[in-house]
Amino acid sequence: MISKLPRWVEYGSFLLALIAGLVNSIGLLGFKHQSISHLSGTATLIGTGIINSNFVDIFHLTFVVLSFLVGSVISGYFLHSGSLKLGNNYSGLLSLEALLLFGSIYFLSKDSVNGHYLASAACGLQNALATKYSGAIIRTTHVTGIFTDIGIMVGAKLRGKQFDQRKALLFLLIIIGFIVGGTLGAYLFSMLKFNALVIPASICLLLALSYSIYNAKFSR
Protein backbone atom coordinates (compact mmCIF):
# COMPACT_ATOMS: atom_id res chain seq x y z
CA MET A 1 0.00 0.00 0.00
CA ILE A 2 1.09 3.57 -0.63
CA SER A 3 0.89 4.38 3.11
CA LYS A 4 3.88 2.07 3.68
CA LEU A 5 6.12 3.86 1.19
CA PRO A 6 8.72 6.40 2.37
CA ARG A 7 7.85 10.07 2.19
CA TRP A 8 10.60 10.79 -0.30
CA VAL A 9 8.39 9.18 -2.95
CA GLU A 10 6.26 12.31 -3.05
CA TYR A 11 9.28 14.62 -3.17
CA GLY A 12 10.94 12.59 -5.91
CA SER A 13 7.78 12.43 -7.99
CA PHE A 14 7.32 16.19 -7.70
CA LEU A 15 10.89 16.82 -8.87
CA LEU A 16 10.63 14.36 -11.76
CA ALA A 17 7.41 16.03 -12.90
CA LEU A 18 9.17 19.40 -12.55
CA ILE A 19 11.96 18.15 -14.81
CA ALA A 20 9.46 16.94 -17.40
CA GLY A 21 7.56 20.22 -17.30
CA LEU A 22 10.78 22.14 -17.83
CA VAL A 23 11.89 20.01 -20.78
CA ASN A 24 8.45 19.99 -22.36
CA SER A 25 7.96 23.75 -22.15
CA ILE A 26 11.40 24.36 -23.63
CA GLY A 27 10.48 21.91 -26.38
CA LEU A 28 7.19 23.64 -27.10
CA LEU A 29 8.93 27.01 -27.31
CA GLY A 30 11.99 25.90 -29.24
CA PHE A 31 11.37 22.61 -31.09
CA LYS A 32 8.84 23.89 -33.65
CA HIS A 33 6.17 23.93 -30.93
CA GLN A 34 6.20 20.16 -30.49
CA SER A 35 5.91 18.27 -27.21
CA ILE A 36 8.93 16.41 -25.92
CA SER A 37 7.85 14.70 -22.71
CA HIS A 38 4.97 12.76 -24.30
CA LEU A 39 4.06 11.59 -27.79
CA SER A 40 0.34 12.23 -28.31
CA GLY A 41 0.87 15.53 -30.09
CA THR A 42 3.87 14.20 -31.99
CA ALA A 43 1.89 11.21 -33.27
CA THR A 44 -0.88 13.58 -34.38
CA LEU A 45 1.64 15.74 -36.26
CA ILE A 46 2.92 12.63 -38.05
CA GLY A 47 -0.64 11.89 -39.15
CA THR A 48 -1.27 15.41 -40.40
CA GLY A 49 2.11 15.40 -42.13
CA ILE A 50 1.10 12.33 -44.10
CA ILE A 51 -2.02 14.10 -45.38
CA ASN A 52 -0.08 17.27 -46.17
CA SER A 53 2.77 15.30 -47.78
CA ASN A 54 5.28 16.99 -45.49
CA PHE A 55 7.77 14.14 -45.58
CA VAL A 56 10.66 16.09 -44.04
CA ASP A 57 8.65 16.70 -40.88
CA ILE A 58 7.36 13.11 -40.92
CA PHE A 59 10.92 11.81 -41.00
CA HIS A 60 11.99 14.12 -38.18
CA LEU A 61 8.97 13.39 -35.97
CA THR A 62 9.33 9.66 -36.51
CA PHE A 63 12.87 9.84 -35.19
CA VAL A 64 11.62 11.83 -32.19
CA VAL A 65 9.17 9.01 -31.44
CA LEU A 66 11.84 6.34 -31.95
CA SER A 67 14.22 8.24 -29.67
CA PHE A 68 11.57 8.28 -26.93
CA LEU A 69 11.17 4.53 -27.43
CA VAL A 70 14.92 3.95 -27.18
CA GLY A 71 15.00 5.82 -23.87
CA SER A 72 12.18 3.64 -22.56
CA VAL A 73 13.98 0.49 -23.72
CA ILE A 74 17.09 1.51 -21.79
CA SER A 75 15.08 1.90 -18.58
CA GLY A 76 13.24 -1.34 -19.21
CA TYR A 77 16.54 -3.19 -19.59
CA PHE A 78 18.11 -1.93 -16.38
CA LEU A 79 15.04 -1.91 -14.12
CA HIS A 80 14.25 -5.40 -12.91
CA SER A 81 11.00 -4.55 -11.16
CA GLY A 82 7.95 -2.44 -11.92
CA SER A 83 7.62 -1.53 -8.26
CA LEU A 84 9.55 0.89 -6.11
CA LYS A 85 12.48 -1.07 -4.74
CA LEU A 86 15.85 -0.19 -3.30
CA GLY A 87 18.70 -1.51 -5.38
CA ASN A 88 17.14 -0.67 -8.74
CA ASN A 89 19.37 1.33 -11.06
CA TYR A 90 17.61 4.65 -10.51
CA SER A 91 20.80 6.62 -9.88
CA GLY A 92 22.50 5.40 -13.04
CA LEU A 93 19.42 6.03 -15.17
CA LEU A 94 18.93 9.52 -13.77
CA SER A 95 22.59 10.27 -14.46
CA LEU A 96 22.13 9.02 -18.02
CA GLU A 97 19.08 11.25 -18.40
CA ALA A 98 21.21 14.20 -17.33
CA LEU A 99 23.89 13.28 -19.88
CA LEU A 100 21.27 13.07 -22.63
CA LEU A 101 19.98 16.53 -21.72
CA PHE A 102 23.49 17.99 -21.63
CA GLY A 103 24.13 16.40 -25.00
CA SER A 104 20.95 17.91 -26.39
CA ILE A 105 22.16 21.37 -25.35
CA TYR A 106 25.39 20.83 -27.31
CA PHE A 107 23.58 19.84 -30.50
CA LEU A 108 20.79 22.39 -30.18
CA SER A 109 23.34 25.16 -29.80
CA LYS A 110 24.63 24.08 -33.22
CA ASP A 111 21.11 23.99 -34.71
CA SER A 112 21.28 20.22 -35.03
CA VAL A 113 18.09 18.12 -34.82
CA ASN A 114 20.12 15.52 -32.94
CA GLY A 115 19.41 17.67 -29.90
CA HIS A 116 15.68 16.97 -30.32
CA TYR A 117 16.32 13.24 -30.40
CA LEU A 118 18.48 13.26 -27.27
CA ALA A 119 15.91 15.30 -25.34
CA SER A 120 13.17 12.91 -26.43
CA ALA A 121 15.26 9.90 -25.39
CA ALA A 122 15.79 11.52 -21.98
CA CYS A 123 12.04 11.88 -21.50
CA GLY A 124 11.39 8.33 -22.67
CA LEU A 125 13.95 7.07 -20.18
CA GLN A 126 12.31 9.02 -17.34
CA ASN A 127 8.79 8.03 -18.33
CA ALA A 128 9.78 4.38 -18.08
CA LEU A 129 10.83 4.96 -14.48
CA ALA A 130 7.26 4.07 -13.57
CA THR A 131 6.42 2.99 -10.06
CA LYS A 132 3.46 0.70 -9.72
CA TYR A 133 1.71 0.54 -6.39
CA SER A 134 -1.69 0.74 -4.78
CA GLY A 135 -3.44 0.01 -8.08
CA ALA A 136 -1.87 2.89 -9.99
CA ILE A 137 0.98 3.40 -12.42
CA ILE A 138 2.74 6.69 -11.76
CA ARG A 139 4.30 8.45 -14.70
CA THR A 140 5.92 11.84 -14.36
CA THR A 141 6.37 13.11 -17.93
CA HIS A 142 2.68 13.73 -18.68
CA VAL A 143 -0.43 14.24 -16.59
CA THR A 144 -3.29 12.85 -18.68
CA GLY A 145 -3.30 9.55 -16.81
CA ILE A 146 -2.93 11.36 -13.48
CA PHE A 147 -6.07 13.41 -14.09
CA THR A 148 -7.84 10.24 -15.19
CA ASP A 149 -6.86 8.42 -12.00
CA ILE A 150 -8.02 11.33 -9.86
CA GLY A 151 -11.35 11.27 -11.67
CA ILE A 152 -11.67 7.54 -11.04
CA MET A 153 -10.89 8.03 -7.36
CA VAL A 154 -13.47 10.81 -6.99
CA GLY A 155 -16.07 8.71 -8.81
CA ALA A 156 -15.37 5.77 -6.50
CA LYS A 157 -15.66 8.09 -3.49
CA LEU A 158 -19.08 9.20 -4.69
CA ARG A 159 -20.07 5.52 -4.71
CA GLY A 160 -19.06 5.31 -1.07
CA LYS A 161 -15.60 3.77 -1.42
CA GLN A 162 -12.70 4.89 0.74
CA PHE A 163 -10.67 7.79 -0.65
CA ASP A 164 -6.90 7.31 -0.56
CA GLN A 165 -5.73 10.74 0.54
CA ARG A 166 -2.03 10.02 0.24
CA LYS A 167 -2.38 8.76 -3.32
CA ALA A 168 -4.42 11.86 -4.16
CA LEU A 169 -1.68 14.03 -2.63
CA LEU A 170 0.93 12.26 -4.76
CA PHE A 171 -1.12 12.87 -7.91
CA LEU A 172 -1.60 16.51 -6.97
CA LEU A 173 2.13 17.00 -6.41
CA ILE A 174 2.89 15.54 -9.84
CA ILE A 175 0.39 17.88 -11.50
CA ILE A 176 1.76 20.90 -9.62
CA GLY A 177 5.34 19.88 -10.40
CA PHE A 178 4.57 19.61 -14.12
CA ILE A 179 2.85 23.01 -14.21
CA VAL A 180 5.58 24.71 -12.15
CA GLY A 181 8.18 23.15 -14.44
CA GLY A 182 6.36 24.52 -17.47
CA THR A 183 6.30 27.99 -15.94
CA LEU A 184 9.99 27.89 -15.03
CA GLY A 185 10.87 26.48 -18.44
CA ALA A 186 9.16 29.34 -20.24
CA TYR A 187 10.87 31.89 -18.01
CA LEU A 188 14.32 30.32 -18.35
CA PHE A 189 13.97 29.84 -22.10
CA SER A 190 13.26 33.54 -22.53
CA MET A 191 16.67 34.27 -20.96
CA LEU A 192 18.86 31.27 -21.74
CA LYS A 193 17.27 29.64 -24.80
CA PHE A 194 18.30 25.97 -24.98
CA ASN A 195 20.89 26.43 -22.24
CA ALA A 196 17.89 26.39 -19.91
CA LEU A 197 18.07 22.57 -20.19
CA VAL A 198 21.03 22.78 -17.80
CA ILE A 199 18.50 23.17 -14.98
CA PRO A 200 16.55 19.91 -15.46
CA ALA A 201 19.82 18.07 -16.19
CA SER A 202 21.29 19.34 -12.93
CA ILE A 203 18.18 18.31 -11.00
CA CYS A 204 18.56 14.79 -12.46
CA LEU A 205 22.12 14.62 -11.15
CA LEU A 206 21.00 15.87 -7.74
CA LEU A 207 18.29 13.21 -7.59
CA ALA A 208 20.78 10.52 -8.65
CA LEU A 209 23.16 11.53 -5.88
CA SER A 210 20.36 11.71 -3.31
CA TYR A 211 19.09 8.25 -4.21
CA SER A 212 22.60 6.78 -4.06
CA ILE A 213 23.06 8.16 -0.56
CA TYR A 214 19.62 6.92 0.53
CA ASN A 215 20.18 3.50 -1.00
CA ALA A 216 23.58 3.12 0.68
CA LYS A 217 22.14 4.12 4.05
CA PHE A 218 19.00 1.99 4.14
CA SER A 219 19.82 -1.08 2.05
CA ARG A 220 22.35 -2.50 4.50
C-alpha atoms as a PDB file:
ATOM      1  CA  MET A   1       0.000   0.000   0.000  1.00  0.00           C
ATOM      2  CA  ILE A   2       1.091   3.568  -0.626  1.00  0.00           C
ATOM      3  CA  SER A   3       0.889   4.376   3.106  1.00  0.00           C
ATOM      4  CA  LYS A   4       3.881   2.072   3.675  1.00  0.00           C
ATOM      5  CA  LEU A   5       6.119   3.856   1.189  1.00  0.00           C
ATOM      6  CA  PRO A   6       8.722   6.401   2.365  1.00  0.00           C
ATOM      7  CA  ARG A   7       7.849  10.072   2.192  1.00  0.00           C
ATOM      8  CA  TRP A   8      10.596  10.788  -0.300  1.00  0.00           C
ATOM      9  CA  VAL A   9       8.394   9.178  -2.946  1.00  0.00           C
ATOM     10  CA  GLU A  10       6.261  12.313  -3.045  1.00  0.00           C
ATOM     11  CA  TYR A  11       9.278  14.619  -3.174  1.00  0.00           C
ATOM     12  CA  GLY A  12      10.944  12.587  -5.908  1.00  0.00           C
ATOM     13  CA  SER A  13       7.775  12.430  -7.992  1.00  0.00           C
ATOM     14  CA  PHE A  14       7.319  16.192  -7.700  1.00  0.00           C
ATOM     15  CA  LEU A  15      10.889  16.821  -8.867  1.00  0.00           C
ATOM     16  CA  LEU A  16      10.630  14.358 -11.761  1.00  0.00           C
ATOM     17  CA  ALA A  17       7.414  16.032 -12.901  1.00  0.00           C
ATOM     18  CA  LEU A  18       9.168  19.400 -12.551  1.00  0.00           C
ATOM     19  CA  ILE A  19      11.958  18.152 -14.810  1.00  0.00           C
ATOM     20  CA  ALA A  20       9.460  16.939 -17.399  1.00  0.00           C
ATOM     21  CA  GLY A  21       7.558  20.221 -17.302  1.00  0.00           C
ATOM     22  CA  LEU A  22      10.785  22.141 -17.825  1.00  0.00           C
ATOM     23  CA  VAL A  23      11.888  20.012 -20.778  1.00  0.00           C
ATOM     24  CA  ASN A  24       8.446  19.993 -22.363  1.00  0.00           C
ATOM     25  CA  SER A  25       7.962  23.750 -22.153  1.00  0.00           C
ATOM     26  CA  ILE A  26      11.405  24.364 -23.630  1.00  0.00           C
ATOM     27  CA  GLY A  27      10.482  21.912 -26.380  1.00  0.00           C
ATOM     28  CA  LEU A  28       7.194  23.641 -27.103  1.00  0.00           C
ATOM     29  CA  LEU A  29       8.926  27.010 -27.312  1.00  0.00           C
ATOM     30  CA  GLY A  30      11.993  25.898 -29.236  1.00  0.00           C
ATOM     31  CA  PHE A  31      11.370  22.615 -31.093  1.00  0.00           C
ATOM     32  CA  LYS A  32       8.840  23.893 -33.646  1.00  0.00           C
ATOM     33  CA  HIS A  33       6.173  23.932 -30.932  1.00  0.00           C
ATOM     34  CA  GLN A  34       6.199  20.160 -30.486  1.00  0.00           C
ATOM     35  CA  SER A  35       5.909  18.273 -27.209  1.00  0.00           C
ATOM     36  CA  ILE A  36       8.932  16.410 -25.915  1.00  0.00           C
ATOM     37  CA  SER A  37       7.847  14.702 -22.708  1.00  0.00           C
ATOM     38  CA  HIS A  38       4.972  12.761 -24.296  1.00  0.00           C
ATOM     39  CA  LEU A  39       4.057  11.594 -27.790  1.00  0.00           C
ATOM     40  CA  SER A  40       0.340  12.227 -28.308  1.00  0.00           C
ATOM     41  CA  GLY A  41       0.867  15.530 -30.088  1.00  0.00           C
ATOM     42  CA  THR A  42       3.869  14.197 -31.994  1.00  0.00           C
ATOM     43  CA  ALA A  43       1.891  11.211 -33.275  1.00  0.00           C
ATOM     44  CA  THR A  44      -0.880  13.579 -34.384  1.00  0.00           C
ATOM     45  CA  LEU A  45       1.639  15.738 -36.262  1.00  0.00           C
ATOM     46  CA  ILE A  46       2.923  12.633 -38.052  1.00  0.00           C
ATOM     47  CA  GLY A  47      -0.636  11.891 -39.151  1.00  0.00           C
ATOM     48  CA  THR A  48      -1.274  15.414 -40.402  1.00  0.00           C
ATOM     49  CA  GLY A  49       2.108  15.399 -42.126  1.00  0.00           C
ATOM     50  CA  ILE A  50       1.095  12.326 -44.103  1.00  0.00           C
ATOM     51  CA  ILE A  51      -2.024  14.098 -45.381  1.00  0.00           C
ATOM     52  CA  ASN A  52      -0.078  17.272 -46.169  1.00  0.00           C
ATOM     53  CA  SER A  53       2.772  15.297 -47.782  1.00  0.00           C
ATOM     54  CA  ASN A  54       5.277  16.991 -45.493  1.00  0.00           C
ATOM     55  CA  PHE A  55       7.773  14.140 -45.576  1.00  0.00           C
ATOM     56  CA  VAL A  56      10.655  16.090 -44.043  1.00  0.00           C
ATOM     57  CA  ASP A  57       8.648  16.699 -40.879  1.00  0.00           C
ATOM     58  CA  ILE A  58       7.356  13.113 -40.915  1.00  0.00           C
ATOM     59  CA  PHE A  59      10.921  11.814 -40.999  1.00  0.00           C
ATOM     60  CA  HIS A  60      11.986  14.117 -38.182  1.00  0.00           C
ATOM     61  CA  LEU A  61       8.969  13.395 -35.969  1.00  0.00           C
ATOM     62  CA  THR A  62       9.330   9.662 -36.513  1.00  0.00           C
ATOM     63  CA  PHE A  63      12.867   9.837 -35.190  1.00  0.00           C
ATOM     64  CA  VAL A  64      11.616  11.831 -32.189  1.00  0.00           C
ATOM     65  CA  VAL A  65       9.172   9.007 -31.439  1.00  0.00           C
ATOM     66  CA  LEU A  66      11.844   6.339 -31.950  1.00  0.00           C
ATOM     67  CA  SER A  67      14.217   8.235 -29.667  1.00  0.00           C
ATOM     68  CA  PHE A  68      11.569   8.282 -26.935  1.00  0.00           C
ATOM     69  CA  LEU A  69      11.169   4.534 -27.432  1.00  0.00           C
ATOM     70  CA  VAL A  70      14.922   3.949 -27.181  1.00  0.00           C
ATOM     71  CA  GLY A  71      15.004   5.821 -23.869  1.00  0.00           C
ATOM     72  CA  SER A  72      12.181   3.636 -22.558  1.00  0.00           C
ATOM     73  CA  VAL A  73      13.978   0.486 -23.720  1.00  0.00           C
ATOM     74  CA  ILE A  74      17.091   1.509 -21.787  1.00  0.00           C
ATOM     75  CA  SER A  75      15.081   1.898 -18.578  1.00  0.00           C
ATOM     76  CA  GLY A  76      13.243  -1.340 -19.213  1.00  0.00           C
ATOM     77  CA  TYR A  77      16.538  -3.189 -19.592  1.00  0.00           C
ATOM     78  CA  PHE A  78      18.114  -1.926 -16.384  1.00  0.00           C
ATOM     79  CA  LEU A  79      15.042  -1.910 -14.124  1.00  0.00           C
ATOM     80  CA  HIS A  80      14.254  -5.403 -12.906  1.00  0.00           C
ATOM     81  CA  SER A  81      11.004  -4.553 -11.159  1.00  0.00           C
ATOM     82  CA  GLY A  82       7.948  -2.440 -11.919  1.00  0.00           C
ATOM     83  CA  SER A  83       7.616  -1.531  -8.260  1.00  0.00           C
ATOM     84  CA  LEU A  84       9.552   0.890  -6.112  1.00  0.00           C
ATOM     85  CA  LYS A  85      12.476  -1.068  -4.740  1.00  0.00           C
ATOM     86  CA  LEU A  86      15.846  -0.192  -3.298  1.00  0.00           C
ATOM     87  CA  GLY A  87      18.700  -1.511  -5.377  1.00  0.00           C
ATOM     88  CA  ASN A  88      17.142  -0.674  -8.739  1.00  0.00           C
ATOM     89  CA  ASN A  89      19.368   1.335 -11.062  1.00  0.00           C
ATOM     90  CA  TYR A  90      17.607   4.650 -10.510  1.00  0.00           C
ATOM     91  CA  SER A  91      20.798   6.625  -9.881  1.00  0.00           C
ATOM     92  CA  GLY A  92      22.498   5.402 -13.035  1.00  0.00           C
ATOM     93  CA  LEU A  93      19.425   6.027 -15.165  1.00  0.00           C
ATOM     94  CA  LEU A  94      18.930   9.515 -13.770  1.00  0.00           C
ATOM     95  CA  SER A  95      22.589  10.267 -14.464  1.00  0.00           C
ATOM     96  CA  LEU A  96      22.135   9.019 -18.021  1.00  0.00           C
ATOM     97  CA  GLU A  97      19.081  11.251 -18.404  1.00  0.00           C
ATOM     98  CA  ALA A  98      21.209  14.200 -17.326  1.00  0.00           C
ATOM     99  CA  LEU A  99      23.893  13.283 -19.878  1.00  0.00           C
ATOM    100  CA  LEU A 100      21.273  13.075 -22.629  1.00  0.00           C
ATOM    101  CA  LEU A 101      19.979  16.532 -21.716  1.00  0.00           C
ATOM    102  CA  PHE A 102      23.490  17.993 -21.629  1.00  0.00           C
ATOM    103  CA  GLY A 103      24.133  16.397 -25.005  1.00  0.00           C
ATOM    104  CA  SER A 104      20.947  17.911 -26.386  1.00  0.00           C
ATOM    105  CA  ILE A 105      22.164  21.367 -25.350  1.00  0.00           C
ATOM    106  CA  TYR A 106      25.390  20.832 -27.307  1.00  0.00           C
ATOM    107  CA  PHE A 107      23.577  19.835 -30.502  1.00  0.00           C
ATOM    108  CA  LEU A 108      20.788  22.394 -30.183  1.00  0.00           C
ATOM    109  CA  SER A 109      23.344  25.164 -29.803  1.00  0.00           C
ATOM    110  CA  LYS A 110      24.632  24.076 -33.223  1.00  0.00           C
ATOM    111  CA  ASP A 111      21.106  23.993 -34.712  1.00  0.00           C
ATOM    112  CA  SER A 112      21.280  20.216 -35.033  1.00  0.00           C
ATOM    113  CA  VAL A 113      18.093  18.119 -34.822  1.00  0.00           C
ATOM    114  CA  ASN A 114      20.122  15.520 -32.939  1.00  0.00           C
ATOM    115  CA  GLY A 115      19.411  17.668 -29.898  1.00  0.00           C
ATOM    116  CA  HIS A 116      15.683  16.974 -30.321  1.00  0.00           C
ATOM    117  CA  TYR A 117      16.319  13.244 -30.401  1.00  0.00           C
ATOM    118  CA  LEU A 118      18.483  13.259 -27.271  1.00  0.00           C
ATOM    119  CA  ALA A 119      15.910  15.300 -25.337  1.00  0.00           C
ATOM    120  CA  SER A 120      13.166  12.911 -26.428  1.00  0.00           C
ATOM    121  CA  ALA A 121      15.262   9.899 -25.385  1.00  0.00           C
ATOM    122  CA  ALA A 122      15.793  11.516 -21.977  1.00  0.00           C
ATOM    123  CA  CYS A 123      12.045  11.881 -21.501  1.00  0.00           C
ATOM    124  CA  GLY A 124      11.391   8.325 -22.667  1.00  0.00           C
ATOM    125  CA  LEU A 125      13.945   7.073 -20.180  1.00  0.00           C
ATOM    126  CA  GLN A 126      12.306   9.024 -17.343  1.00  0.00           C
ATOM    127  CA  ASN A 127       8.785   8.029 -18.329  1.00  0.00           C
ATOM    128  CA  ALA A 128       9.781   4.377 -18.078  1.00  0.00           C
ATOM    129  CA  LEU A 129      10.833   4.960 -14.477  1.00  0.00           C
ATOM    130  CA  ALA A 130       7.262   4.067 -13.569  1.00  0.00           C
ATOM    131  CA  THR A 131       6.421   2.988 -10.064  1.00  0.00           C
ATOM    132  CA  LYS A 132       3.459   0.696  -9.720  1.00  0.00           C
ATOM    133  CA  TYR A 133       1.714   0.542  -6.386  1.00  0.00           C
ATOM    134  CA  SER A 134      -1.695   0.742  -4.781  1.00  0.00           C
ATOM    135  CA  GLY A 135      -3.438   0.014  -8.079  1.00  0.00           C
ATOM    136  CA  ALA A 136      -1.870   2.887  -9.994  1.00  0.00           C
ATOM    137  CA  ILE A 137       0.982   3.396 -12.418  1.00  0.00           C
ATOM    138  CA  ILE A 138       2.739   6.687 -11.756  1.00  0.00           C
ATOM    139  CA  ARG A 139       4.299   8.449 -14.697  1.00  0.00           C
ATOM    140  CA  THR A 140       5.920  11.840 -14.363  1.00  0.00           C
ATOM    141  CA  THR A 141       6.366  13.110 -17.928  1.00  0.00           C
ATOM    142  CA  HIS A 142       2.682  13.730 -18.680  1.00  0.00           C
ATOM    143  CA  VAL A 143      -0.432  14.240 -16.586  1.00  0.00           C
ATOM    144  CA  THR A 144      -3.287  12.851 -18.680  1.00  0.00           C
ATOM    145  CA  GLY A 145      -3.298   9.553 -16.805  1.00  0.00           C
ATOM    146  CA  ILE A 146      -2.933  11.358 -13.480  1.00  0.00           C
ATOM    147  CA  PHE A 147      -6.067  13.409 -14.086  1.00  0.00           C
ATOM    148  CA  THR A 148      -7.844  10.238 -15.187  1.00  0.00           C
ATOM    149  CA  ASP A 149      -6.857   8.416 -11.996  1.00  0.00           C
ATOM    150  CA  ILE A 150      -8.019  11.329  -9.862  1.00  0.00           C
ATOM    151  CA  GLY A 151     -11.352  11.271 -11.671  1.00  0.00           C
ATOM    152  CA  ILE A 152     -11.669   7.539 -11.043  1.00  0.00           C
ATOM    153  CA  MET A 153     -10.889   8.032  -7.355  1.00  0.00           C
ATOM    154  CA  VAL A 154     -13.465  10.811  -6.994  1.00  0.00           C
ATOM    155  CA  GLY A 155     -16.067   8.706  -8.805  1.00  0.00           C
ATOM    156  CA  ALA A 156     -15.371   5.770  -6.497  1.00  0.00           C
ATOM    157  CA  LYS A 157     -15.660   8.087  -3.486  1.00  0.00           C
ATOM    158  CA  LEU A 158     -19.075   9.201  -4.694  1.00  0.00           C
ATOM    159  CA  ARG A 159     -20.073   5.523  -4.705  1.00  0.00           C
ATOM    160  CA  GLY A 160     -19.065   5.314  -1.068  1.00  0.00           C
ATOM    161  CA  LYS A 161     -15.602   3.765  -1.423  1.00  0.00           C
ATOM    162  CA  GLN A 162     -12.703   4.894   0.743  1.00  0.00           C
ATOM    163  CA  PHE A 163     -10.673   7.795  -0.648  1.00  0.00           C
ATOM    164  CA  ASP A 164      -6.897   7.306  -0.555  1.00  0.00           C
ATOM    165  CA  GLN A 165      -5.733  10.740   0.544  1.00  0.00           C
ATOM    166  CA  ARG A 166      -2.026  10.016   0.237  1.00  0.00           C
ATOM    167  CA  LYS A 167      -2.382   8.764  -3.324  1.00  0.00           C
ATOM    168  CA  ALA A 168      -4.419  11.860  -4.157  1.00  0.00           C
ATOM    169  CA  LEU A 169      -1.679  14.027  -2.635  1.00  0.00           C
ATOM    170  CA  LEU A 170       0.928  12.262  -4.758  1.00  0.00           C
ATOM    171  CA  PHE A 171      -1.117  12.866  -7.908  1.00  0.00           C
ATOM    172  CA  LEU A 172      -1.605  16.513  -6.975  1.00  0.00           C
ATOM    173  CA  LEU A 173       2.126  16.998  -6.411  1.00  0.00           C
ATOM    174  CA  ILE A 174       2.889  15.535  -9.843  1.00  0.00           C
ATOM    175  CA  ILE A 175       0.389  17.884 -11.499  1.00  0.00           C
ATOM    176  CA  ILE A 176       1.759  20.900  -9.617  1.00  0.00           C
ATOM    177  CA  GLY A 177       5.337  19.884 -10.402  1.00  0.00           C
ATOM    178  CA  PHE A 178       4.572  19.608 -14.117  1.00  0.00           C
ATOM    179  CA  ILE A 179       2.854  23.010 -14.206  1.00  0.00           C
ATOM    180  CA  VAL A 180       5.577  24.710 -12.153  1.00  0.00           C
ATOM    181  CA  GLY A 181       8.181  23.146 -14.442  1.00  0.00           C
ATOM    182  CA  GLY A 182       6.363  24.525 -17.470  1.00  0.00           C
ATOM    183  CA  THR A 183       6.297  27.985 -15.936  1.00  0.00           C
ATOM    184  CA  LEU A 184       9.991  27.890 -15.029  1.00  0.00           C
ATOM    185  CA  GLY A 185      10.870  26.479 -18.444  1.00  0.00           C
ATOM    186  CA  ALA A 186       9.156  29.337 -20.244  1.00  0.00           C
ATOM    187  CA  TYR A 187      10.873  31.894 -18.013  1.00  0.00           C
ATOM    188  CA  LEU A 188      14.320  30.323 -18.346  1.00  0.00           C
ATOM    189  CA  PHE A 189      13.965  29.836 -22.104  1.00  0.00           C
ATOM    190  CA  SER A 190      13.263  33.538 -22.528  1.00  0.00           C
ATOM    191  CA  MET A 191      16.666  34.271 -20.964  1.00  0.00           C
ATOM    192  CA  LEU A 192      18.862  31.273 -21.738  1.00  0.00           C
ATOM    193  CA  LYS A 193      17.270  29.640 -24.796  1.00  0.00           C
ATOM    194  CA  PHE A 194      18.302  25.970 -24.979  1.00  0.00           C
ATOM    195  CA  ASN A 195      20.894  26.431 -22.241  1.00  0.00           C
ATOM    196  CA  ALA A 196      17.891  26.387 -19.908  1.00  0.00           C
ATOM    197  CA  LEU A 197      18.071  22.574 -20.186  1.00  0.00           C
ATOM    198  CA  VAL A 198      21.031  22.780 -17.804  1.00  0.00           C
ATOM    199  CA  ILE A 199      18.499  23.173 -14.976  1.00  0.00           C
ATOM    200  CA  PRO A 200      16.554  19.908 -15.459  1.00  0.00           C
ATOM    201  CA  ALA A 201      19.817  18.074 -16.193  1.00  0.00           C
ATOM    202  CA  SER A 202      21.294  19.336 -12.929  1.00  0.00           C
ATOM    203  CA  ILE A 203      18.182  18.307 -10.995  1.00  0.00           C
ATOM    204  CA  CYS A 204      18.563  14.794 -12.462  1.00  0.00           C
ATOM    205  CA  LEU A 205      22.123  14.625 -11.150  1.00  0.00           C
ATOM    206  CA  LEU A 206      21.004  15.867  -7.739  1.00  0.00           C
ATOM    207  CA  LEU A 207      18.288  13.209  -7.589  1.00  0.00           C
ATOM    208  CA  ALA A 208      20.776  10.524  -8.652  1.00  0.00           C
ATOM    209  CA  LEU A 209      23.158  11.530  -5.880  1.00  0.00           C
ATOM    210  CA  SER A 210      20.363  11.706  -3.306  1.00  0.00           C
ATOM    211  CA  TYR A 211      19.088   8.255  -4.211  1.00  0.00           C
ATOM    212  CA  SER A 212      22.598   6.783  -4.065  1.00  0.00           C
ATOM    213  CA  ILE A 213      23.056   8.162  -0.557  1.00  0.00           C
ATOM    214  CA  TYR A 214      19.615   6.920   0.533  1.00  0.00           C
ATOM    215  CA  ASN A 215      20.176   3.500  -0.996  1.00  0.00           C
ATOM    216  CA  ALA A 216      23.584   3.123   0.681  1.00  0.00           C
ATOM    217  CA  LYS A 217      22.137   4.115   4.047  1.00  0.00           C
ATOM    218  CA  PHE A 218      18.997   1.989   4.142  1.00  0.00           C
ATOM    219  CA  SER A 219      19.821  -1.078   2.048  1.00  0.00           C
ATOM    220  CA  ARG A 220      22.355  -2.500   4.504  1.00  0.00           C
END
